[in-house]
Protein backbone atom coordinates (compact mmCIF):
# COMPACT_ATOMS: atom_id res chain seq x y z
CA MET A 1 0.00 0.00 0.00
CA ARG A 2 1.01 3.65 -0.36
CA ALA A 3 1.73 5.60 2.82
CA PHE A 4 3.26 8.89 3.92
CA VAL A 5 6.27 7.73 5.93
CA ILE A 6 8.33 9.93 8.25
CA ASN A 7 11.94 8.83 7.90
CA GLU A 8 13.60 11.14 10.44
CA LEU A 9 12.32 13.37 13.23
CA SER A 10 13.07 16.69 11.58
CA GLY A 11 9.57 17.79 10.56
CA PRO A 12 7.02 17.00 7.84
CA GLU A 13 9.52 17.66 5.06
CA ALA A 14 11.26 14.42 6.12
CA GLY A 15 8.22 12.43 4.96
CA ALA A 16 7.75 10.72 1.62
CA ILE A 17 5.11 8.64 -0.16
CA THR A 18 6.40 5.08 0.08
CA GLU A 19 5.15 1.58 -0.79
CA ILE A 20 4.99 -0.48 2.42
CA PRO A 21 3.14 -3.64 3.55
CA ALA A 22 -0.41 -3.28 4.82
CA PRO A 23 -0.73 -3.21 8.65
CA GLU A 24 -0.58 -6.53 10.45
CA GLY A 25 -1.98 -7.48 13.85
CA ALA A 26 -3.76 -4.86 15.95
CA HIS A 27 -3.04 -1.31 16.98
CA PRO A 28 -0.66 -1.41 19.98
CA TRP A 29 -3.18 0.53 22.10
CA THR A 30 -6.03 -1.96 21.62
CA GLU A 31 -4.95 -5.17 23.40
CA GLY A 32 -5.29 -7.26 20.25
CA GLN A 33 -8.50 -5.78 18.82
CA ARG A 34 -7.83 -5.51 15.09
CA LEU A 35 -9.93 -2.81 13.43
CA LEU A 36 -8.59 -2.40 9.90
CA ILE A 37 -9.83 0.61 7.95
CA GLU A 38 -9.68 1.19 4.22
CA VAL A 39 -8.78 4.87 4.46
CA HIS A 40 -10.56 7.34 2.19
CA ALA A 41 -9.54 10.55 3.98
CA ALA A 42 -7.20 11.40 6.84
CA GLY A 43 -7.20 14.38 9.17
CA VAL A 44 -4.01 16.00 10.43
CA SER A 45 -3.61 18.20 13.48
CA PHE A 46 -1.04 19.82 15.75
CA PRO A 47 -0.10 16.55 17.55
CA ASP A 48 0.75 15.01 14.16
CA LEU A 49 3.11 17.89 13.48
CA LEU A 50 4.76 17.45 16.89
CA GLN A 51 5.20 13.73 16.21
CA THR A 52 7.23 14.50 13.08
CA ARG A 53 9.76 16.19 15.37
CA GLY A 54 9.62 13.66 18.19
CA MET A 55 8.05 16.28 20.47
CA TYR A 56 4.69 14.64 21.25
CA GLN A 57 4.03 12.51 24.33
CA HIS A 58 3.06 9.66 22.00
CA ALA A 59 6.12 10.02 19.77
CA GLN A 60 6.83 7.16 17.37
CA PRO A 61 10.23 5.76 16.39
CA VAL A 62 11.12 6.25 12.74
CA PRO A 63 10.23 5.17 10.21
CA TYR A 64 6.52 5.50 10.91
CA VAL A 65 3.35 6.44 9.03
CA ALA A 66 2.04 9.87 10.04
CA GLY A 67 -1.57 10.91 10.64
CA GLY A 68 -3.84 10.50 13.64
CA GLU A 69 -7.40 10.51 12.29
CA VAL A 70 -9.24 8.54 9.61
CA ALA A 71 -12.50 8.17 7.79
CA GLY A 72 -13.17 5.16 5.64
CA VAL A 73 -14.63 1.68 5.44
CA VAL A 74 -14.13 -1.19 7.88
CA ARG A 75 -12.40 -4.16 6.26
CA GLU A 76 -11.75 -6.23 9.41
CA ALA A 77 -13.44 -5.81 12.80
CA PRO A 78 -12.75 -7.39 16.19
CA PRO A 79 -15.17 -10.14 17.26
CA GLY A 80 -17.85 -8.86 19.60
CA SER A 81 -17.38 -5.23 18.61
CA SER A 82 -20.14 -2.99 17.26
CA PHE A 83 -18.42 -2.85 13.86
CA VAL A 84 -18.68 -5.14 10.84
CA PRO A 85 -16.88 -5.09 7.50
CA GLY A 86 -18.47 -2.50 5.23
CA ASP A 87 -19.30 0.02 7.95
CA ARG A 88 -18.50 3.63 7.16
CA VAL A 89 -16.55 4.96 10.15
CA ALA A 90 -14.48 7.83 11.50
CA GLY A 91 -12.03 7.68 14.37
CA LEU A 92 -8.54 7.88 15.77
CA THR A 93 -5.36 6.07 14.86
CA VAL A 94 -2.84 8.30 16.77
CA PHE A 95 -0.41 7.47 13.94
CA GLY A 96 -0.72 5.56 10.66
CA ALA A 97 -3.68 7.40 9.09
CA LEU A 98 -1.87 8.75 6.01
CA ALA A 99 -2.00 5.41 4.23
CA GLU A 100 -4.37 3.36 2.13
CA TYR A 101 -5.06 1.10 5.14
CA ALA A 102 -4.76 1.89 8.83
CA LEU A 103 -5.41 0.33 12.24
CA ALA A 104 -7.93 2.30 14.29
CA LEU A 105 -8.92 2.30 17.96
CA PRO A 106 -12.38 0.70 18.39
CA ASP A 107 -13.14 2.70 21.55
CA TYR A 108 -12.36 5.94 19.69
CA THR A 109 -14.28 5.15 16.49
CA ILE A 110 -17.85 6.01 15.50
CA LYS A 111 -20.11 4.94 12.66
CA LEU A 112 -20.35 7.60 10.01
CA PRO A 113 -23.82 8.33 8.60
CA SER A 114 -24.25 8.27 4.83
CA HIS A 115 -24.94 12.01 4.65
CA VAL A 116 -21.44 12.82 6.03
CA ASP A 117 -18.74 12.44 3.39
CA PHE A 118 -15.35 10.99 4.22
CA GLY A 119 -13.62 14.37 4.13
CA ALA A 120 -15.93 15.76 6.82
CA GLY A 121 -15.70 12.46 8.68
CA ALA A 122 -11.93 12.74 8.94
CA ALA A 123 -12.47 16.16 10.54
CA LEU A 124 -14.94 14.88 13.09
CA TYR A 125 -13.72 12.69 15.91
CA LEU A 126 -10.60 14.35 17.28
CA ASN A 127 -11.92 17.91 17.14
CA TYR A 128 -15.36 17.24 18.56
CA ALA A 129 -14.11 14.77 21.16
CA THR A 130 -11.60 17.38 22.33
CA ALA A 131 -14.28 20.09 22.37
CA TRP A 132 -16.75 17.84 24.25
CA PHE A 133 -14.15 16.79 26.80
CA SER A 134 -12.89 20.36 27.25
CA LEU A 135 -16.38 21.51 28.19
CA TYR A 136 -16.84 18.46 30.42
CA ARG A 137 -13.61 19.11 32.31
CA ALA A 138 -14.46 22.80 32.63
CA GLY A 139 -17.86 22.05 34.16
CA PHE A 140 -19.73 23.85 31.39
CA VAL A 141 -23.46 24.43 31.90
CA ALA A 142 -26.07 26.14 29.72
CA HIS A 143 -25.81 29.94 29.57
CA ASP A 144 -22.06 29.93 30.36
CA VAL A 145 -20.00 32.41 28.36
CA VAL A 146 -17.12 30.44 26.80
CA LEU A 147 -14.07 32.23 25.40
CA VAL A 148 -12.37 30.09 22.73
CA HIS A 149 -8.78 30.70 21.60
CA GLY A 150 -7.62 29.50 18.20
CA ALA A 151 -11.29 29.68 17.34
CA SER A 152 -10.89 29.31 13.58
CA GLY A 153 -9.04 26.00 13.85
CA GLY A 154 -10.46 22.51 14.02
CA VAL A 155 -10.83 22.29 17.80
CA GLY A 156 -11.88 25.92 18.03
CA THR A 157 -14.69 25.71 15.49
CA ALA A 158 -15.93 22.45 17.03
CA THR A 159 -15.99 24.07 20.48
CA LEU A 160 -17.93 27.08 19.19
CA GLN A 161 -20.54 24.77 17.66
CA LEU A 162 -20.95 22.66 20.78
CA VAL A 163 -21.22 25.69 23.08
CA ARG A 164 -23.95 27.20 20.94
CA ALA A 165 -25.78 23.87 20.56
CA ARG A 166 -25.81 23.44 24.34
CA GLY A 167 -27.17 26.87 25.10
CA GLY A 168 -23.94 28.70 25.93
CA VAL A 169 -22.52 31.94 24.57
CA PRO A 170 -19.47 31.27 22.33
CA VAL A 171 -16.89 34.05 22.11
CA ALA A 172 -14.04 33.59 19.61
CA VAL A 173 -10.48 34.93 19.80
CA VAL A 174 -8.67 34.86 16.44
CA SER A 175 -5.63 36.47 14.83
CA SER A 176 -7.06 37.82 11.56
CA GLU A 177 -10.22 38.93 9.80
CA VAL A 178 -10.14 35.82 7.59
CA LYS A 179 -10.13 33.65 10.68
CA ALA A 180 -12.83 35.83 12.22
CA GLN A 181 -15.14 34.95 9.34
CA ALA A 182 -14.52 31.23 9.88
CA ALA A 183 -15.33 31.63 13.57
CA ARG A 184 -18.59 33.42 12.74
CA GLU A 185 -19.56 30.64 10.35
CA ALA A 186 -18.93 28.14 13.15
CA GLY A 187 -21.38 29.97 15.41
CA ALA A 188 -19.40 32.54 17.39
CA GLU A 189 -21.68 35.14 18.94
CA HIS A 190 -18.79 37.57 19.36
CA VAL A 191 -15.36 37.62 17.70
CA LEU A 192 -12.31 39.32 19.23
CA LEU A 193 -8.89 39.84 17.64
CA SER A 194 -5.88 38.57 19.58
CA SER A 195 -3.93 41.68 18.48
CA GLY A 196 -6.35 43.88 20.40
CA PRO A 197 -7.44 44.24 24.04
CA TRP A 198 -9.47 41.04 23.88
CA ALA A 199 -9.41 40.32 27.63
CA GLN A 200 -10.86 43.74 28.40
CA GLN A 201 -13.38 43.36 25.58
CA ALA A 202 -14.47 39.98 26.95
CA LYS A 203 -15.16 41.65 30.28
CA GLU A 204 -17.16 44.39 28.59
CA LEU A 205 -19.25 41.85 26.66
CA THR A 206 -20.30 40.29 29.96
CA GLY A 207 -21.15 43.48 31.82
CA GLY A 208 -17.81 43.50 33.59
CA ARG A 209 -18.13 40.00 35.04
CA GLY A 210 -16.07 37.93 32.63
CA ALA A 211 -16.46 34.53 30.99
CA GLN A 212 -17.22 31.40 32.96
CA VAL A 213 -14.94 29.22 30.80
CA VAL A 214 -11.88 29.73 28.60
CA VAL A 215 -10.89 26.91 26.22
CA ASP A 216 -7.25 27.35 25.15
CA PRO A 217 -5.41 25.16 22.62
CA VAL A 218 -2.86 27.94 21.98
CA GLY A 219 -1.06 28.70 25.26
CA GLY A 220 1.87 31.07 25.09
CA ASP A 221 1.73 34.58 26.47
CA ARG A 222 -2.05 34.90 26.46
CA VAL A 223 -2.67 32.71 29.51
CA THR A 224 -2.43 35.53 32.06
CA ASP A 225 -4.98 37.56 30.12
CA SER A 226 -7.18 34.48 29.89
CA LEU A 227 -7.29 34.35 33.67
CA ARG A 228 -8.06 38.07 33.79
CA SER A 229 -10.97 37.55 31.40
CA LEU A 230 -12.65 35.01 33.71
CA ASP A 231 -15.49 35.69 36.12
CA VAL A 232 -15.14 34.75 39.79
CA GLY A 233 -15.13 30.95 39.92
CA GLY A 234 -14.18 30.72 36.25
CA ARG A 235 -12.35 27.78 34.69
CA LEU A 236 -9.47 27.70 32.19
CA ALA A 237 -9.30 24.48 30.15
CA VAL A 238 -5.76 23.88 28.87
CA VAL A 239 -5.97 21.93 25.59
CA GLY A 240 -2.51 22.46 24.10
CA PHE A 241 0.31 24.82 23.24
CA ALA A 242 0.07 25.63 19.55
CA ALA A 243 1.98 28.88 20.18
CA GLY A 244 4.99 26.72 21.03
CA GLU A 245 5.53 28.11 24.53
CA ILE A 246 4.37 26.37 27.71
CA PRO A 247 3.38 29.19 30.08
CA GLU A 248 3.69 29.36 33.85
CA ILE A 249 0.86 30.49 36.12
CA LYS A 250 1.20 32.36 39.39
CA LEU A 251 -1.07 30.57 41.83
CA ASN A 252 -2.10 33.78 43.58
CA ARG A 253 -4.12 34.64 40.46
CA LEU A 254 -6.22 31.54 41.10
CA LEU A 255 -6.59 32.19 44.80
CA LEU A 256 -7.74 35.80 44.58
CA ARG A 257 -10.83 35.07 42.46
CA ASP A 258 -11.42 31.36 43.03
CA LEU A 259 -10.28 30.39 39.54
CA SER A 260 -9.50 26.87 38.35
CA VAL A 261 -7.16 25.53 35.67
CA VAL A 262 -7.91 22.06 34.30
CA GLY A 263 -5.96 19.92 31.87
CA VAL A 264 -7.66 18.36 28.85
CA ALA A 265 -6.08 14.98 28.02
CA LEU A 266 -8.71 12.43 27.10
CA GLU A 267 -6.64 9.23 26.90
CA PRO A 268 -5.43 9.01 30.55
CA TYR A 269 -8.82 10.15 31.81
CA ALA A 270 -10.61 7.54 29.69
CA ARG A 271 -8.39 4.77 31.05
CA ARG A 272 -9.37 5.71 34.60
CA TYR A 273 -13.01 6.58 33.84
CA PRO A 274 -14.09 4.53 30.79
CA ASP A 275 -17.77 5.42 31.19
CA VAL A 276 -16.93 9.01 30.22
CA LEU A 277 -15.39 7.82 26.95
CA ARG A 278 -18.42 5.65 26.18
CA THR A 279 -20.73 8.60 26.80
CA LEU A 280 -18.61 10.91 24.66
CA THR A 281 -18.45 8.47 21.74
CA ALA A 282 -22.19 7.73 21.88
CA GLU A 283 -23.01 11.44 21.90
CA LEU A 284 -20.70 12.18 18.98
CA GLU A 285 -22.19 9.36 16.94
CA ASN A 286 -25.71 10.58 17.71
CA MET A 287 -24.87 14.21 16.89
CA ALA A 288 -23.35 13.14 13.58
CA ALA A 289 -26.42 11.04 12.74
CA GLN A 290 -28.74 13.94 13.61
CA GLY A 291 -26.72 16.44 11.60
CA GLN A 292 -25.93 18.51 14.69
CA VAL A 293 -22.19 18.80 13.97
CA ARG A 294 -20.77 20.41 10.85
CA PRO A 295 -16.99 20.00 10.67
CA LEU A 296 -15.33 22.99 9.06
CA VAL A 297 -12.92 21.60 6.48
CA GLY A 298 -10.66 24.46 5.53
CA HIS A 299 -8.05 22.66 3.42
CA ARG A 300 -8.17 19.46 1.33
CA LEU A 301 -5.00 18.21 -0.28
CA PRO A 302 -4.15 15.01 -2.18
CA MET A 303 -1.97 12.38 -0.55
CA GLU A 304 1.01 13.56 -2.59
CA GLN A 305 0.84 16.86 -0.65
CA ALA A 306 0.73 15.36 2.85
CA ALA A 307 3.87 17.25 3.86
CA GLU A 308 2.27 20.52 2.75
CA ALA A 309 -0.83 19.67 4.79
CA LEU A 310 1.25 19.40 7.94
CA SER A 311 3.17 22.55 7.02
CA LEU A 312 -0.10 24.55 6.95
CA ILE A 313 -0.40 23.78 10.65
CA ASP A 314 3.28 24.48 11.27
CA LEU A 315 2.97 27.93 9.67
CA ARG A 316 -0.34 28.62 11.46
CA ARG A 317 -2.11 29.13 8.14
CA ALA A 318 -4.76 26.50 8.71
CA VAL A 319 -8.38 27.61 8.90
CA GLY A 320 -10.63 24.79 10.02
CA LYS A 321 -9.50 21.19 9.67
CA VAL A 322 -6.74 20.10 7.29
CA ILE A 323 -7.74 16.97 5.36
CA VAL A 324 -5.69 14.70 3.11
CA ASP A 325 -7.64 12.73 0.51
CA ILE A 326 -6.23 9.21 0.31
CA ARG A 327 -8.63 7.93 -2.36
CA ASP A 328 -10.35 9.77 -5.18
CA ASP A 329 -13.84 9.19 -3.72
CA SER A 330 -13.16 10.93 -0.38
CA GLY A 331 -16.12 13.21 -0.95
CA ALA A 332 -18.50 10.25 -1.24
């Protein structure tokens, strides 16, 4: 099969389309449950970029096949699972998605309804699972004002949609007018520019109180202002560090206004509390079936341009999800 293989940990430019054997056995995270997917489209995200440099917590030794998210057709399913050959599915692989066949994680895979094409399907699971879990960890309830950083990206647009669907007030923070338009299309009620006084503006939007929740996949130097933008008792959900800098927080800022900072890392939480993962997956599958989620696919590239797809993320030019079409019928 053809696959995009990373040959050294120096970034996406070290990858190349290569003929390799189809995957054998099961994904190493699944305790022998072989779920083999005929991949039609693959999604790439910031963790995939970090993996190409050996900087992710789930780094892979080279050579390895890049790509953490798939949409396609089941070819082999584990006995006793909810999947059968022929099912249209979308889910996680962590690595290995940028190939004609990939091993997926049954617990992190959903059935894809016929009205969702494979390109949108490859943009679904990781972003919406992260958005769902971010709101869960932050104790989100209806009517909360939620400030979303990186709001034009895959996780950001998914979070905006879920907040609005659940009766909250989504406020987007973006870096350009082009990204502002994407955030509005995803359902943002207010859009603030990161180059301006967004923390002060967030306060003004809420009558001086502040947001109840901040969802932050960016990190960097905006974290202090994120805390300032929160209401008393507010919660900051730390999703990632796309800005490249891991910030430090002075604990007195939390003490003075009863603020909380929570980490958002689904895999260790799901191992300890598997019922949460089952609920999340069931809700995502139901929302997809009911047409309640609309993944924003901002970029679609052919497999031959997989390195360029990852570079869009590296250069922070991505708007919405970046998708790589593995087969010609990825829009089917």
